[in-house]
PDB file of N, CA and C in Angstrom:
ATOM      1  N   UNK A   1      30.047  22.552  23.207  1.00  0.00           N
ATOM      2  CA  UNK A   1      29.748  21.720  22.051  1.00  0.00           C
ATOM      3  C   UNK A   1      29.057  20.442  22.538  1.00  0.00           C
ATOM      4  N   UNK A   2      27.984  20.098  21.898  1.00  0.00           N
ATOM      5  CA  UNK A   2      27.266  18.864  22.209  1.00  0.00           C
ATOM      6  C   UNK A   2      27.969  17.697  21.516  1.00  0.00           C
ATOM      7  N   UNK A   3      28.156  16.610  22.241  1.00  0.00           N
ATOM      8  CA  UNK A   3      28.860  15.441  21.705  1.00  0.00           C
ATOM      9  C   UNK A   3      27.878  14.285  21.586  1.00  0.00           C
ATOM     10  N   UNK A   4      27.947  13.572  20.461  1.00  0.00           N
ATOM     11  CA  UNK A   4      27.135  12.380  20.225  1.00  0.00           C
ATOM     12  C   UNK A   4      28.058  11.182  20.070  1.00  0.00           C
ATOM     13  N   UNK A   5      27.594  10.028  20.544  1.00  0.00           N
ATOM     14  CA  UNK A   5      28.285   8.759  20.313  1.00  0.00           C
ATOM     15  C   UNK A   5      27.442   8.021  19.291  1.00  0.00           C
ATOM     16  N   UNK A   6      28.009   7.784  18.108  1.00  0.00           N
ATOM     17  CA  UNK A   6      27.228   7.191  17.024  1.00  0.00           C
ATOM     18  C   UNK A   6      28.122   6.378  16.096  1.00  0.00           C
ATOM     19  N   UNK A   7      27.495   5.782  15.085  1.00  0.00           N
ATOM     20  CA  UNK A   7      28.238   5.000  14.094  1.00  0.00           C
ATOM     21  C   UNK A   7      28.737   5.913  12.989  1.00  0.00           C
ATOM     22  N   UNK A   8      29.923   5.602  12.472  1.00  0.00           N
ATOM     23  CA  UNK A   8      30.474   6.306  11.319  1.00  0.00           C
ATOM     24  C   UNK A   8      30.922   5.250  10.314  1.00  0.00           C
ATOM     25  N   UNK A   9      30.481   5.376   9.077  1.00  0.00           N
ATOM     26  CA  UNK A   9      30.788   4.399   8.044  1.00  0.00           C
ATOM     27  C   UNK A   9      32.272   4.360   7.720  1.00  0.00           C
ATOM     28  N   UNK A  10      32.776   3.150   7.506  1.00  0.00           N
ATOM     29  CA  UNK A  10      34.139   2.971   7.002  1.00  0.00           C
ATOM     30  C   UNK A  10      34.120   1.757   6.095  1.00  0.00           C
ATOM     31  N   UNK A  11      34.534   1.936   4.837  1.00  0.00           N
ATOM     32  CA  UNK A  11      34.506   0.846   3.865  1.00  0.00           C
ATOM     33  C   UNK A  11      35.798   0.064   3.909  1.00  0.00           C
ATOM     34  N   UNK A  12      35.710  -1.203   3.535  1.00  0.00           N
ATOM     35  CA  UNK A  12      36.885  -2.070   3.491  1.00  0.00           C
ATOM     36  C   UNK A  12      37.240  -2.378   2.054  1.00  0.00           C
ATOM     37  N   UNK A  13      38.494  -2.267   1.710  1.00  0.00           N
ATOM     38  CA  UNK A  13      39.089  -2.747   0.466  1.00  0.00           C
ATOM     39  C   UNK A  13      38.229  -2.759  -0.775  1.00  0.00           C
ATOM     40  N   UNK A  14      38.569  -3.679  -1.677  1.00  0.00           N
ATOM     41  CA  UNK A  14      37.948  -3.739  -2.994  1.00  0.00           C
ATOM     42  C   UNK A  14      36.520  -4.275  -2.959  1.00  0.00           C
ATOM     43  N   UNK A  15      36.198  -5.161  -2.012  1.00  0.00           N
ATOM     44  CA  UNK A  15      34.854  -5.738  -2.020  1.00  0.00           C
ATOM     45  C   UNK A  15      33.810  -4.770  -1.465  1.00  0.00           C
ATOM     46  N   UNK A  16      34.258  -3.647  -0.884  1.00  0.00           N
ATOM     47  CA  UNK A  16      33.394  -2.562  -0.429  1.00  0.00           C
ATOM     48  C   UNK A  16      32.355  -2.988   0.601  1.00  0.00           C
ATOM     49  N   UNK A  17      32.657  -4.018   1.392  1.00  0.00           N
ATOM     50  CA  UNK A  17      31.778  -4.371   2.502  1.00  0.00           C
ATOM     51  C   UNK A  17      31.829  -3.231   3.503  1.00  0.00           C
ATOM     52  N   UNK A  18      30.697  -2.845   3.987  1.00  0.00           N
ATOM     53  CA  UNK A  18      30.655  -1.717   4.896  1.00  0.00           C
ATOM     54  C   UNK A  18      30.798  -2.177   6.335  1.00  0.00           C
ATOM     55  N   UNK A  19      31.660  -1.508   7.048  1.00  0.00           N
ATOM     56  CA  UNK A  19      31.770  -1.687   8.492  1.00  0.00           C
ATOM     57  C   UNK A  19      31.639  -0.297   9.100  1.00  0.00           C
ATOM     58  N   UNK A  20      31.514  -0.249  10.406  1.00  0.00           N
ATOM     59  CA  UNK A  20      31.278   1.023  11.074  1.00  0.00           C
ATOM     60  C   UNK A  20      32.231   1.188  12.235  1.00  0.00           C
ATOM     61  N   UNK A  21      32.589   2.436  12.516  1.00  0.00           N
ATOM     62  CA  UNK A  21      33.313   2.792  13.728  1.00  0.00           C
ATOM     63  C   UNK A  21      32.291   3.366  14.690  1.00  0.00           C
ATOM     64  N   UNK A  22      32.481   3.101  15.962  1.00  0.00           N
ATOM     65  CA  UNK A  22      31.680   3.765  16.987  1.00  0.00           C
ATOM     66  C   UNK A  22      32.544   4.924  17.459  1.00  0.00           C
ATOM     67  N   UNK A  23      32.050   6.158  17.267  1.00  0.00           N
ATOM     68  CA  UNK A  23      32.864   7.342  17.512  1.00  0.00           C
ATOM     69  C   UNK A  23      32.139   8.354  18.387  1.00  0.00           C
ATOM     70  N   UNK A  24      32.934   9.187  19.046  1.00  0.00           N
ATOM     71  CA  UNK A  24      32.425  10.387  19.708  1.00  0.00           C
ATOM     72  C   UNK A  24      32.667  11.516  18.717  1.00  0.00           C
ATOM     73  N   UNK A  25      31.613  12.277  18.422  1.00  0.00           N
ATOM     74  CA  UNK A  25      31.711  13.315  17.399  1.00  0.00           C
ATOM     75  C   UNK A  25      30.948  14.551  17.862  1.00  0.00           C
ATOM     76  N   UNK A  26      31.485  15.729  17.556  1.00  0.00           N
ATOM     77  CA  UNK A  26      30.822  16.987  17.910  1.00  0.00           C
ATOM     78  C   UNK A  26      29.535  17.150  17.110  1.00  0.00           C
ATOM     79  N   UNK A  27      28.525  17.690  17.713  1.00  0.00           N
ATOM     80  CA  UNK A  27      27.193  17.781  17.116  1.00  0.00           C
ATOM     81  C   UNK A  27      27.114  18.593  15.818  1.00  0.00           C
ATOM     82  N   UNK A  28      27.750  19.759  15.703  1.00  0.00           N
ATOM     83  CA  UNK A  28      27.564  20.507  14.456  1.00  0.00           C
ATOM     84  C   UNK A  28      28.420  20.020  13.291  1.00  0.00           C
ATOM     85  N   UNK A  29      28.887  18.771  13.349  1.00  0.00           N
ATOM     86  CA  UNK A  29      29.746  18.218  12.297  1.00  0.00           C
ATOM     87  C   UNK A  29      28.888  17.421  11.302  1.00  0.00           C
ATOM     88  N   UNK A  30      29.295  17.408  10.052  1.00  0.00           N
ATOM     89  CA  UNK A  30      28.569  16.670   9.024  1.00  0.00           C
ATOM     90  C   UNK A  30      28.725  15.164   9.205  1.00  0.00           C
ATOM     91  N   UNK A  31      28.024  14.394   8.419  1.00  0.00           N
ATOM     92  CA  UNK A  31      27.988  12.939   8.531  1.00  0.00           C
ATOM     93  C   UNK A  31      29.377  12.312   8.516  1.00  0.00           C
ATOM     94  N   UNK A  32      30.245  12.723   7.614  1.00  0.00           N
ATOM     95  CA  UNK A  32      31.581  12.148   7.499  1.00  0.00           C
ATOM     96  C   UNK A  32      32.650  13.044   8.121  1.00  0.00           C
ATOM     97  N   UNK A  33      32.255  13.878   9.078  1.00  0.00           N
ATOM     98  CA  UNK A  33      33.190  14.807   9.695  1.00  0.00           C
ATOM     99  C   UNK A  33      34.213  14.123  10.592  1.00  0.00           C
ATOM    100  N   UNK A  34      35.147  14.910  11.077  1.00  0.00           N
ATOM    101  CA  UNK A  34      36.222  14.385  11.928  1.00  0.00           C
ATOM    102  C   UNK A  34      35.675  14.017  13.299  1.00  0.00           C
ATOM    103  N   UNK A  35      36.044  12.838  13.758  1.00  0.00           N
ATOM    104  CA  UNK A  35      35.598  12.367  15.060  1.00  0.00           C
ATOM    105  C   UNK A  35      36.562  12.829  16.149  1.00  0.00           C
ATOM    106  N   UNK A  36      36.077  12.847  17.383  1.00  0.00           N
ATOM    107  CA  UNK A  36      36.914  13.207  18.532  1.00  0.00           C
ATOM    108  C   UNK A  36      37.706  12.004  19.024  1.00  0.00           C
ATOM    109  N   UNK A  37      37.065  10.822  19.004  1.00  0.00           N
ATOM    110  CA  UNK A  37      37.722   9.602  19.470  1.00  0.00           C
ATOM    111  C   UNK A  37      36.995   8.375  18.926  1.00  0.00           C
ATOM    112  N   UNK A  38      37.745   7.337  18.575  1.00  0.00           N
ATOM    113  CA  UNK A  38      37.159   6.063  18.160  1.00  0.00           C
ATOM    114  C   UNK A  38      36.934   5.231  19.419  1.00  0.00           C
ATOM    115  N   UNK A  39      35.697   4.739  19.598  1.00  0.00           N
ATOM    116  CA  UNK A  39      35.315   4.016  20.803  1.00  0.00           C
ATOM    117  C   UNK A  39      35.079   2.531  20.549  1.00  0.00           C
ATOM    118  N   UNK A  40      35.070   2.117  19.290  1.00  0.00           N
ATOM    119  CA  UNK A  40      34.868   0.710  18.973  1.00  0.00           C
ATOM    120  C   UNK A  40      34.606   0.510  17.492  1.00  0.00           C
ATOM    121  N   UNK A  41      34.280  -0.734  17.127  1.00  0.00           N
ATOM    122  CA  UNK A  41      34.009  -1.101  15.738  1.00  0.00           C
ATOM    123  C   UNK A  41      32.810  -2.033  15.683  1.00  0.00           C
ATOM    124  N   UNK A  42      32.084  -1.979  14.559  1.00  0.00           N
ATOM    125  CA  UNK A  42      30.927  -2.848  14.332  1.00  0.00           C
ATOM    126  C   UNK A  42      30.943  -3.283  12.876  1.00  0.00           C
ATOM    127  N   UNK A  43      30.926  -4.609  12.642  1.00  0.00           N
ATOM    128  CA  UNK A  43      30.937  -5.159  11.286  1.00  0.00           C
ATOM    129  C   UNK A  43      29.756  -6.117  11.122  1.00  0.00           C
ATOM    130  N   UNK A  44      28.642  -5.644  10.545  1.00  0.00           N
ATOM    131  CA  UNK A  44      27.464  -6.490  10.390  1.00  0.00           C
ATOM    132  C   UNK A  44      27.588  -7.529   9.280  1.00  0.00           C
ATOM    133  N   UNK A  45      28.618  -7.422   8.421  1.00  0.00           N
ATOM    134  CA  UNK A  45      28.754  -8.371   7.312  1.00  0.00           C
ATOM    135  C   UNK A  45      29.274  -9.730   7.781  1.00  0.00           C
ATOM    136  N   UNK A  46      29.893  -9.787   8.935  1.00  0.00           N
ATOM    137  CA  UNK A  46      30.370 -11.058   9.495  1.00  0.00           C
ATOM    138  C   UNK A  46      29.195 -11.816  10.109  1.00  0.00           C
ATOM    139  N   UNK A  47      29.291 -13.122  10.144  1.00  0.00           N
ATOM    140  CA  UNK A  47      28.255 -13.957  10.760  1.00  0.00           C
ATOM    141  C   UNK A  47      28.874 -14.747  11.887  1.00  0.00           C
ATOM    142  N   UNK A  48      28.582 -14.510  13.131  1.00  0.00           N
ATOM    143  CA  UNK A  48      27.743 -13.443  13.682  1.00  0.00           C
ATOM    144  C   UNK A  48      28.437 -12.084  13.581  1.00  0.00           C
ATOM    145  N   UNK A  49      27.654 -11.026  13.688  1.00  0.00           N
ATOM    146  CA  UNK A  49      28.179  -9.666  13.550  1.00  0.00           C
ATOM    147  C   UNK A  49      29.285  -9.416  14.574  1.00  0.00           C
ATOM    148  N   UNK A  50      30.341  -8.766  14.123  1.00  0.00           N
ATOM    149  CA  UNK A  50      31.485  -8.466  14.972  1.00  0.00           C
ATOM    150  C   UNK A  50      31.265  -7.118  15.653  1.00  0.00           C
ATOM    151  N   UNK A  51      31.258  -7.121  16.988  1.00  0.00           N
ATOM    152  CA  UNK A  51      31.090  -5.894  17.763  1.00  0.00           C
ATOM    153  C   UNK A  51      32.248  -5.802  18.748  1.00  0.00           C
ATOM    154  N   UNK A  52      33.022  -4.746  18.649  1.00  0.00           N
ATOM    155  CA  UNK A  52      34.154  -4.510  19.540  1.00  0.00           C
ATOM    156  C   UNK A  52      33.969  -3.123  20.137  1.00  0.00           C
ATOM    157  N   UNK A  53      33.657  -3.052  21.451  1.00  0.00           N
ATOM    158  CA  UNK A  53      33.335  -1.785  22.101  1.00  0.00           C
ATOM    159  C   UNK A  53      34.231  -1.592  23.318  1.00  0.00           C
ATOM    160  N   UNK A  54      34.746  -0.381  23.484  1.00  0.00           N
ATOM    161  CA  UNK A  54      35.514  -0.023  24.675  1.00  0.00           C
ATOM    162  C   UNK A  54      34.551   0.667  25.643  1.00  0.00           C
ATOM    163  N   UNK A  55      34.001  -0.090  26.579  1.00  0.00           N
ATOM    164  CA  UNK A  55      32.986   0.422  27.509  1.00  0.00           C
ATOM    165  C   UNK A  55      33.508   1.552  28.394  1.00  0.00           C
ATOM    166  N   UNK A  56      34.768   1.465  28.841  1.00  0.00           N
ATOM    167  CA  UNK A  56      35.305   2.504  29.718  1.00  0.00           C
ATOM    168  C   UNK A  56      35.321   3.859  29.030  1.00  0.00           C
ATOM    169  N   UNK A  57      35.725   3.879  27.755  1.00  0.00           N
ATOM    170  CA  UNK A  57      35.752   5.136  27.012  1.00  0.00           C
ATOM    171  C   UNK A  57      34.339   5.684  26.813  1.00  0.00           C
ATOM    172  N   UNK A  58      33.388   4.793  26.492  1.00  0.00           N
ATOM    173  CA  UNK A  58      32.011   5.242  26.299  1.00  0.00           C
ATOM    174  C   UNK A  58      31.449   5.794  27.600  1.00  0.00           C
ATOM    175  N   UNK A  59      31.669   5.094  28.703  1.00  0.00           N
ATOM    176  CA  UNK A  59      31.186   5.580  29.997  1.00  0.00           C
ATOM    177  C   UNK A  59      31.810   6.929  30.345  1.00  0.00           C
ATOM    178  N   UNK A  60      33.078   7.110  30.012  1.00  0.00           N
ATOM    179  CA  UNK A  60      33.744   8.393  30.250  1.00  0.00           C
ATOM    180  C   UNK A  60      33.091   9.527  29.484  1.00  0.00           C
ATOM    181  N   UNK A  61      32.753   9.275  28.205  1.00  0.00           N
ATOM    182  CA  UNK A  61      32.101  10.303  27.400  1.00  0.00           C
ATOM    183  C   UNK A  61      30.686  10.584  27.900  1.00  0.00           C
ATOM    184  N   UNK A  62      29.975   9.542  28.322  1.00  0.00           N
ATOM    185  CA  UNK A  62      28.608   9.731  28.830  1.00  0.00           C
ATOM    186  C   UNK A  62      28.641  10.559  30.119  1.00  0.00           C
ATOM    187  N   UNK A  63      29.635  10.325  30.986  1.00  0.00           N
ATOM    188  CA  UNK A  63      29.777  11.122  32.205  1.00  0.00           C
ATOM    189  C   UNK A  63      30.045  12.590  31.896  1.00  0.00           C
ATOM    190  N   UNK A  64      30.682  12.851  30.753  1.00  0.00           N
ATOM    191  CA  UNK A  64      30.941  14.227  30.334  1.00  0.00           C
ATOM    192  C   UNK A  64      29.724  14.861  29.660  1.00  0.00           C
ATOM    193  N   UNK A  65      28.648  14.072  29.454  1.00  0.00           N
ATOM    194  CA  UNK A  65      27.422  14.618  28.883  1.00  0.00           C
ATOM    195  C   UNK A  65      27.123  14.207  27.454  1.00  0.00           C
ATOM    196  N   UNK A  66      27.877  13.276  26.900  1.00  0.00           N
ATOM    197  CA  UNK A  66      27.634  12.833  25.516  1.00  0.00           C
ATOM    198  C   UNK A  66      26.330  12.033  25.440  1.00  0.00           C
ATOM    199  N   UNK A  67      25.639  12.155  24.317  1.00  0.00           N
ATOM    200  CA  UNK A  67      24.396  11.433  24.061  1.00  0.00           C
ATOM    201  C   UNK A  67      24.684  10.272  23.114  1.00  0.00           C
ATOM    202  N   UNK A  68      24.146   9.083  23.423  1.00  0.00           N
ATOM    203  CA  UNK A  68      24.318   7.922  22.544  1.00  0.00           C
ATOM    204  C   UNK A  68      23.167   7.845  21.551  1.00  0.00           C
ATOM    205  N   UNK A  69      23.473   7.405  20.332  1.00  0.00           N
ATOM    206  CA  UNK A  69      22.407   7.148  19.363  1.00  0.00           C
ATOM    207  C   UNK A  69      21.689   5.864  19.762  1.00  0.00           C
ATOM    208  N   UNK A  70      20.493   5.664  19.242  1.00  0.00           N
ATOM    209  CA  UNK A  70      19.712   4.460  19.553  1.00  0.00           C
ATOM    210  C   UNK A  70      20.443   3.196  19.108  1.00  0.00           C
ATOM    211  N   UNK A  71      21.115   3.256  17.969  1.00  0.00           N
ATOM    212  CA  UNK A  71      21.830   2.089  17.458  1.00  0.00           C
ATOM    213  C   UNK A  71      22.976   1.693  18.377  1.00  0.00           C
ATOM    214  N   UNK A  72      23.743   2.658  18.833  1.00  0.00           N
ATOM    215  CA  UNK A  72      24.855   2.365  19.740  1.00  0.00           C
ATOM    216  C   UNK A  72      24.314   1.824  21.057  1.00  0.00           C
ATOM    217  N   UNK A  73      23.241   2.409  21.559  1.00  0.00           N
ATOM    218  CA  UNK A  73      22.632   1.924  22.799  1.00  0.00           C
ATOM    219  C   UNK A  73      22.190   0.469  22.635  1.00  0.00           C
ATOM    220  N   UNK A  74      21.615   0.150  21.485  1.00  0.00           N
ATOM    221  CA  UNK A  74      21.178  -1.221  21.195  1.00  0.00           C
ATOM    222  C   UNK A  74      22.371  -2.176  21.135  1.00  0.00           C
ATOM    223  N   UNK A  75      23.470  -1.769  20.502  1.00  0.00           N
ATOM    224  CA  UNK A  75      24.660  -2.614  20.428  1.00  0.00           C
ATOM    225  C   UNK A  75      25.246  -2.865  21.815  1.00  0.00           C
ATOM    226  N   UNK A  76      25.223  -1.858  22.677  1.00  0.00           N
ATOM    227  CA  UNK A  76      25.717  -2.039  24.039  1.00  0.00           C
ATOM    228  C   UNK A  76      24.878  -3.047  24.809  1.00  0.00           C
ATOM    229  N   UNK A  77      23.571  -3.005  24.635  1.00  0.00           N
ATOM    230  CA  UNK A  77      22.685  -3.945  25.316  1.00  0.00           C
ATOM    231  C   UNK A  77      22.937  -5.373  24.822  1.00  0.00           C
ATOM    232  N   UNK A  78      23.116  -5.543  23.513  1.00  0.00           N
ATOM    233  CA  UNK A  78      23.356  -6.873  22.956  1.00  0.00           C
ATOM    234  C   UNK A  78      24.708  -7.422  23.419  1.00  0.00           C
ATOM    235  N   UNK A  79      25.704  -6.540  23.584  1.00  0.00           N
ATOM    236  CA  UNK A  79      27.052  -6.965  23.959  1.00  0.00           C
ATOM    237  C   UNK A  79      27.148  -7.288  25.446  1.00  0.00           C
ATOM    238  N   UNK A  80      26.202  -6.804  26.250  1.00  0.00           N
ATOM    239  CA  UNK A  80      26.246  -7.006  27.711  1.00  0.00           C
ATOM    240  C   UNK A  80      26.090  -8.438  28.132  1.00  0.00           C
TER     241      UNK A  80
END
């Protein structure tokens, strides 16, 4: 199974501000499918944007052959 590291939408409470989870997910899964592991969180509605990433977990998945989306790769570069 091919694994991707990408963003998955998660809404907050009544105000419906959108935040995202950074997840490892199997490739043949739909957009809102079950993830394999949560690797971090991203909330663009905060000023400045809140980015919480577990680098060790991401590096572990990449060593196993997981592919990162462009957005996740960009967030990692900004967080460095």
